[in-house]
Amino acid sequence: MPQWLSQVAAAALDMDRLSIPVGALTTCGGAVLLLIVARRRTASEE
């Protein structure tokens, strides 16, 4: 995991007030990363 991402995650854990929006952003970001990785894998297999 990139260092900046771990720092953002740590900062998000410190902010209880923003836990809901940050959690939503993290979920969306994770989904996007999974899509990118999946596309790279399928592209490399072809």
Protein backbone atom coordinates (compact mmCIF):
# COMPACT_ATOMS: atom_id res chain seq x y z
CA MET A 1 0.00 0.00 0.00
CA PRO A 2 1.40 3.44 -0.94
CA GLN A 3 2.69 5.53 1.94
CA TRP A 4 0.36 8.45 1.18
CA LEU A 5 -2.62 6.10 1.19
CA SER A 6 -1.71 4.76 4.62
CA GLN A 7 -1.32 8.33 5.86
CA VAL A 8 -4.77 9.24 4.52
CA ALA A 9 -6.22 6.14 6.17
CA ALA A 10 -4.61 7.08 9.49
CA ALA A 11 -5.93 10.64 9.20
CA ALA A 12 -9.40 9.30 8.38
CA LEU A 13 -9.35 7.14 11.51
CA ASP A 14 -8.50 10.25 13.55
CA MET A 15 -11.49 12.14 12.17
CA ASP A 16 -14.61 10.58 13.66
CA ARG A 17 -16.84 13.33 12.26
CA LEU A 18 -15.81 12.55 8.69
CA SER A 19 -15.87 8.79 9.14
CA ILE A 20 -18.98 8.33 6.99
CA PRO A 21 -17.94 10.42 3.92
CA VAL A 22 -14.35 9.19 4.17
CA GLY A 23 -15.60 5.61 4.36
CA ALA A 24 -17.69 6.17 1.24
CA LEU A 25 -14.73 7.68 -0.60
CA THR A 26 -12.49 4.82 0.53
CA THR A 27 -15.02 2.28 -0.70
CA CYS A 28 -15.34 4.00 -4.08
CA GLY A 29 -11.57 4.37 -4.34
CA GLY A 30 -11.08 0.69 -3.54
CA ALA A 31 -13.62 -0.29 -6.18
CA VAL A 32 -11.86 1.86 -8.78
CA LEU A 33 -8.49 0.33 -7.88
CA LEU A 34 -9.96 -3.17 -8.22
CA LEU A 35 -11.34 -2.28 -11.65
CA ILE A 36 -7.95 -0.92 -12.75
CA VAL A 37 -6.13 -4.02 -11.52
CA ALA A 38 -8.70 -6.29 -13.16
CA ARG A 39 -8.35 -4.45 -16.47
CA ARG A 40 -4.55 -4.66 -16.29
CA ARG A 41 -4.72 -8.41 -15.63
CA THR A 42 -7.11 -9.05 -18.50
CA ALA A 43 -5.04 -6.82 -20.79
CA SER A 44 -1.81 -8.63 -19.88
CA GLU A 45 -3.41 -12.03 -20.50
CA GLU A 46 -4.45 -11.08 -24.04
